[in-house]
């Protein structure tokens, strides 16, 4: 199952399982230098950024390729959403026609198949500032170590080195943990939240072993915030 379908499948329950993503969105908003009037949100999902823009805006454009998530996103005369893969070059040909105060992205860009190409495309748009919250490979690091698998998302160094090619920016790294009563509830969270990306799938036997051998009662998350 592709990443977009996984998010669509659990869209109706996503909000209950998006605790860390909510922290990321809150921090992202707090990093803004001013209250932008014209905003582009890449990987907008069900509206984590739009619902936190509690000031008067002129135009908000959200982009996502999970249809069910977009159905949950608030839409008004000033808030519009489009169904599009944010890695599609054609999207940026269209977006070049706009002027944005801020380009934002919360908990989405880590799924880019080609981060270099994505950052290049973003850099050619007309905008004043940006702020991105991107999960890094230290998310679920003990799970990956216990299961002897690699993370499906980028390392912190890769994100920073790639971004430096196209942007001048500040950054900060935040680590979060989320505790659970037991391993079953923990792995249910992983499945329902969509944060696994449905990559590096383990067999039933391997998953059962991981549940039994996982040494912690919490999950680890690492997020890098890039902002101008």
Protein backbone atom coordinates (compact mmCIF):
# COMPACT_ATOMS: atom_id res chain seq x y z
CA UNK A 1 0.00 0.00 0.00
CA UNK A 2 1.38 3.44 -0.91
CA UNK A 3 1.86 6.17 1.69
CA UNK A 4 -1.02 8.31 0.43
CA UNK A 5 -3.45 5.38 0.61
CA UNK A 6 -2.35 4.56 4.14
CA UNK A 7 -3.11 8.11 5.26
CA UNK A 8 -6.41 8.08 3.39
CA UNK A 9 -7.45 4.78 4.93
CA UNK A 10 -7.10 6.11 8.48
CA UNK A 11 -8.13 9.69 7.77
CA UNK A 12 -11.27 9.60 9.92
CA UNK A 13 -9.31 8.47 13.00
CA UNK A 14 -6.07 10.29 12.17
CA UNK A 15 -6.74 13.23 14.47
CA UNK A 16 -6.88 10.93 17.50
CA UNK A 17 -3.45 9.50 16.63
CA UNK A 18 -1.68 12.68 15.52
CA UNK A 19 -0.41 13.85 18.91
CA UNK A 20 3.19 14.37 17.83
CA UNK A 21 2.13 15.92 14.52
CA UNK A 22 0.09 18.44 16.54
CA UNK A 23 3.18 19.39 18.53
CA UNK A 24 5.07 19.84 15.27
CA UNK A 25 2.36 22.09 13.81
CA UNK A 26 2.23 24.20 16.99
CA UNK A 27 5.98 24.68 16.99
CA UNK A 28 6.01 25.49 13.29
CA UNK A 29 3.46 28.26 13.77
CA UNK A 30 5.44 29.64 16.71
CA UNK A 31 8.50 30.02 14.46
CA UNK A 32 6.78 32.40 12.04
CA UNK A 33 8.28 35.89 12.06
CA UNK A 34 4.93 37.51 11.33
CA UNK A 35 1.36 36.55 10.50
CA UNK A 36 1.44 35.87 6.77
CA UNK A 37 -1.46 36.82 4.54
CA UNK A 38 -0.68 34.48 1.63
CA UNK A 39 0.27 30.91 2.54
CA UNK A 40 1.17 27.73 0.69
CA UNK A 41 0.94 24.52 2.74
CA UNK A 42 2.66 21.48 1.19
CA UNK A 43 1.27 18.19 2.49
CA UNK A 44 -1.59 20.01 4.17
CA UNK A 45 -3.42 16.86 5.32
CA UNK A 46 -6.58 17.47 7.29
CA UNK A 47 -5.64 21.07 8.09
CA UNK A 48 -3.16 21.19 10.96
CA UNK A 49 -1.75 24.48 9.68
CA UNK A 50 -4.99 26.02 8.40
CA UNK A 51 -6.75 25.48 11.73
CA UNK A 52 -3.90 27.25 13.52
CA UNK A 53 -3.89 30.38 11.35
CA UNK A 54 -6.05 32.37 13.76
CA UNK A 55 -5.45 35.67 12.00
CA UNK A 56 -6.90 37.34 8.93
CA UNK A 57 -5.51 35.89 5.68
CA UNK A 58 -5.89 36.81 2.02
CA UNK A 59 -5.22 33.39 0.55
CA UNK A 60 -4.32 29.92 1.79
CA UNK A 61 -3.53 27.10 -0.64
CA UNK A 62 -3.15 23.55 0.65
CA UNK A 63 -1.65 20.73 -1.41
CA UNK A 64 -1.97 17.02 -0.66
CA UNK A 65 -2.31 13.72 -2.53
CA UNK A 66 -4.47 11.94 0.06
CA UNK A 67 -8.04 12.62 -1.05
CA UNK A 68 -9.68 11.54 2.20
CA UNK A 69 -7.47 13.88 4.18
CA UNK A 70 -8.36 16.76 1.88
CA UNK A 71 -12.04 16.06 2.47
CA UNK A 72 -11.43 16.85 6.15
CA UNK A 73 -9.48 20.05 5.44
CA UNK A 74 -11.38 23.30 6.07
CA UNK A 75 -12.20 25.14 2.87
CA UNK A 76 -13.61 28.65 2.58
CA UNK A 77 -13.50 31.49 0.07
CA UNK A 78 -9.95 32.14 1.23
CA UNK A 79 -8.82 28.56 1.98
CA UNK A 80 -8.48 26.31 -1.06
CA UNK A 81 -7.05 22.80 -1.42
CA UNK A 82 -5.80 20.98 -4.48
CA UNK A 83 -5.23 17.27 -4.98
CA UNK A 84 -1.63 17.04 -6.17
CA UNK A 85 1.59 15.20 -5.42
CA UNK A 86 3.98 17.81 -4.02
CA UNK A 87 6.81 16.06 -5.88
CA UNK A 88 5.21 16.60 -9.29
CA UNK A 89 7.24 19.14 -11.29
CA UNK A 90 4.08 20.33 -13.04
CA UNK A 91 2.67 21.54 -9.72
CA UNK A 92 5.48 24.07 -9.39
CA UNK A 93 4.99 25.32 -12.93
CA UNK A 94 1.46 26.25 -11.81
CA UNK A 95 2.50 27.60 -8.40
CA UNK A 96 5.05 29.93 -10.03
CA UNK A 97 2.07 32.06 -11.01
CA UNK A 98 1.44 32.90 -7.34
CA UNK A 99 3.21 35.07 -4.79
CA UNK A 100 3.35 33.69 -1.25
CA UNK A 101 4.39 35.29 2.02
CA UNK A 102 5.18 31.90 3.56
CA UNK A 103 5.59 28.36 2.33
CA UNK A 104 4.84 25.96 5.19
CA UNK A 105 4.98 22.20 5.58
CA UNK A 106 4.32 20.22 8.74
CA UNK A 107 5.17 16.51 9.07
CA UNK A 108 5.11 15.82 5.33
CA UNK A 109 8.35 16.45 3.45
CA UNK A 110 10.14 13.44 4.97
CA UNK A 111 8.15 11.25 2.55
CA UNK A 112 9.70 12.85 -0.53
CA UNK A 113 11.30 10.25 -2.78
CA UNK A 114 13.72 12.88 -4.13
CA UNK A 115 14.34 15.54 -1.50
CA UNK A 116 16.89 17.33 -3.64
CA UNK A 117 14.40 17.76 -6.50
CA UNK A 118 11.67 18.82 -4.10
CA UNK A 119 13.78 21.54 -2.48
CA UNK A 120 14.85 22.74 -5.92
CA UNK A 121 11.22 23.03 -7.01
CA UNK A 122 10.24 24.89 -3.85
CA UNK A 123 13.18 27.27 -4.26
CA UNK A 124 11.99 28.42 -7.67
CA UNK A 125 8.65 29.67 -6.33
CA UNK A 126 7.88 33.29 -5.48
CA UNK A 127 7.88 33.56 -1.68
CA UNK A 128 9.30 35.64 1.14
CA UNK A 129 9.79 33.09 3.91
CA UNK A 130 9.36 29.42 4.75
CA UNK A 131 9.11 27.02 7.69
CA UNK A 132 9.22 23.23 7.46
CA UNK A 133 8.85 20.58 10.16
CA UNK A 134 10.45 17.34 8.92
CA UNK A 135 10.73 14.01 10.74
CA UNK A 136 14.18 12.44 10.54
CA UNK A 137 15.51 8.88 10.67
CA UNK A 138 15.97 8.96 14.45
CA UNK A 139 12.19 8.65 14.66
CA UNK A 140 11.51 5.08 15.87
CA UNK A 141 15.26 4.50 16.14
CA UNK A 142 14.94 1.77 18.79
CA UNK A 143 12.28 -0.01 16.72
CA UNK A 144 14.60 0.00 13.73
CA UNK A 145 17.53 -1.20 15.82
CA UNK A 146 15.49 -3.97 17.47
CA UNK A 147 14.05 -5.16 14.15
CA UNK A 148 17.40 -4.70 12.38
CA UNK A 149 15.87 -2.55 9.64
CA UNK A 150 16.75 0.89 8.30
CA UNK A 151 14.55 3.94 8.54
CA UNK A 152 12.52 4.80 5.41
CA UNK A 153 13.08 8.54 5.94
CA UNK A 154 16.06 10.84 5.65
CA UNK A 155 18.79 11.40 8.22
CA UNK A 156 19.14 14.79 9.86
CA UNK A 157 22.43 15.39 8.02
CA UNK A 158 20.84 14.58 4.67
CA UNK A 159 17.98 17.03 5.26
CA UNK A 160 20.35 19.82 6.32
CA UNK A 161 22.92 19.23 3.57
CA UNK A 162 20.25 19.11 0.90
CA UNK A 163 18.47 22.23 2.15
CA UNK A 164 21.74 24.19 2.18
CA UNK A 165 21.92 23.89 -1.60
CA UNK A 166 18.78 25.97 -2.05
CA UNK A 167 17.97 27.98 1.07
CA UNK A 168 19.48 30.22 3.71
CA UNK A 169 17.87 29.07 6.93
CA UNK A 170 17.95 28.57 10.67
CA UNK A 171 17.15 25.23 12.17
CA UNK A 172 16.39 23.48 15.41
CA UNK A 173 16.03 19.81 16.29
CA UNK A 174 13.39 18.61 18.72
CA UNK A 175 13.04 15.13 20.18
CA UNK A 176 9.71 13.83 21.44
CA UNK A 177 8.62 10.66 23.20
CA UNK A 178 5.16 9.16 23.45
CA UNK A 179 4.44 6.60 26.18
CA UNK A 180 2.06 3.64 25.95
CA UNK A 181 0.52 1.21 28.42
CA UNK A 182 1.71 -1.80 26.46
CA UNK A 183 3.35 -2.84 23.20
CA UNK A 184 0.07 -3.76 21.53
CA UNK A 185 -1.28 -0.24 22.02
CA UNK A 186 2.01 1.17 20.81
CA UNK A 187 1.95 -0.75 17.55
CA UNK A 188 -1.72 0.09 17.08
CA UNK A 189 -0.73 3.75 17.28
CA UNK A 190 1.96 3.25 14.62
CA UNK A 191 -0.56 1.66 12.28
CA UNK A 192 -3.36 4.16 12.84
CA UNK A 193 -1.27 7.32 12.83
CA UNK A 194 0.33 6.65 9.46
CA UNK A 195 3.76 7.63 10.73
CA UNK A 196 5.24 4.28 9.69
CA UNK A 197 4.88 5.26 6.04
CA UNK A 198 4.03 1.62 5.39
CA UNK A 199 7.66 1.01 4.41
CA UNK A 200 10.04 -1.76 5.42
CA UNK A 201 7.05 -3.99 6.13
CA UNK A 202 7.80 -6.85 8.46
CA UNK A 203 6.25 -10.28 8.23
CA UNK A 204 3.74 -11.38 10.86
CA UNK A 205 6.43 -13.43 12.58
CA UNK A 206 8.90 -10.54 12.56
CA UNK A 207 6.28 -8.12 13.86
CA UNK A 208 5.34 -10.47 16.69
CA UNK A 209 8.98 -10.82 17.66
CA UNK A 210 9.44 -7.04 17.58
CA UNK A 211 6.41 -6.52 19.85
CA UNK A 212 7.82 -9.04 22.32
CA UNK A 213 11.39 -7.75 22.24
CA UNK A 214 10.91 -3.99 22.03
CA UNK A 215 12.63 -2.75 25.22
CA UNK A 216 10.87 0.59 25.79
CA UNK A 217 7.40 1.71 26.84
CA UNK A 218 7.56 4.72 24.53
CA UNK A 219 8.25 5.70 20.94
CA UNK A 220 10.94 8.15 19.91
CA UNK A 221 10.52 10.96 17.39
CA UNK A 222 13.00 13.45 16.00
CA UNK A 223 11.93 16.50 14.02
CA UNK A 224 14.08 19.15 12.39
CA UNK A 225 12.56 22.58 11.86
CA UNK A 226 13.97 24.60 8.99
CA UNK A 227 12.90 28.24 8.86
CA UNK A 228 13.96 31.52 7.31
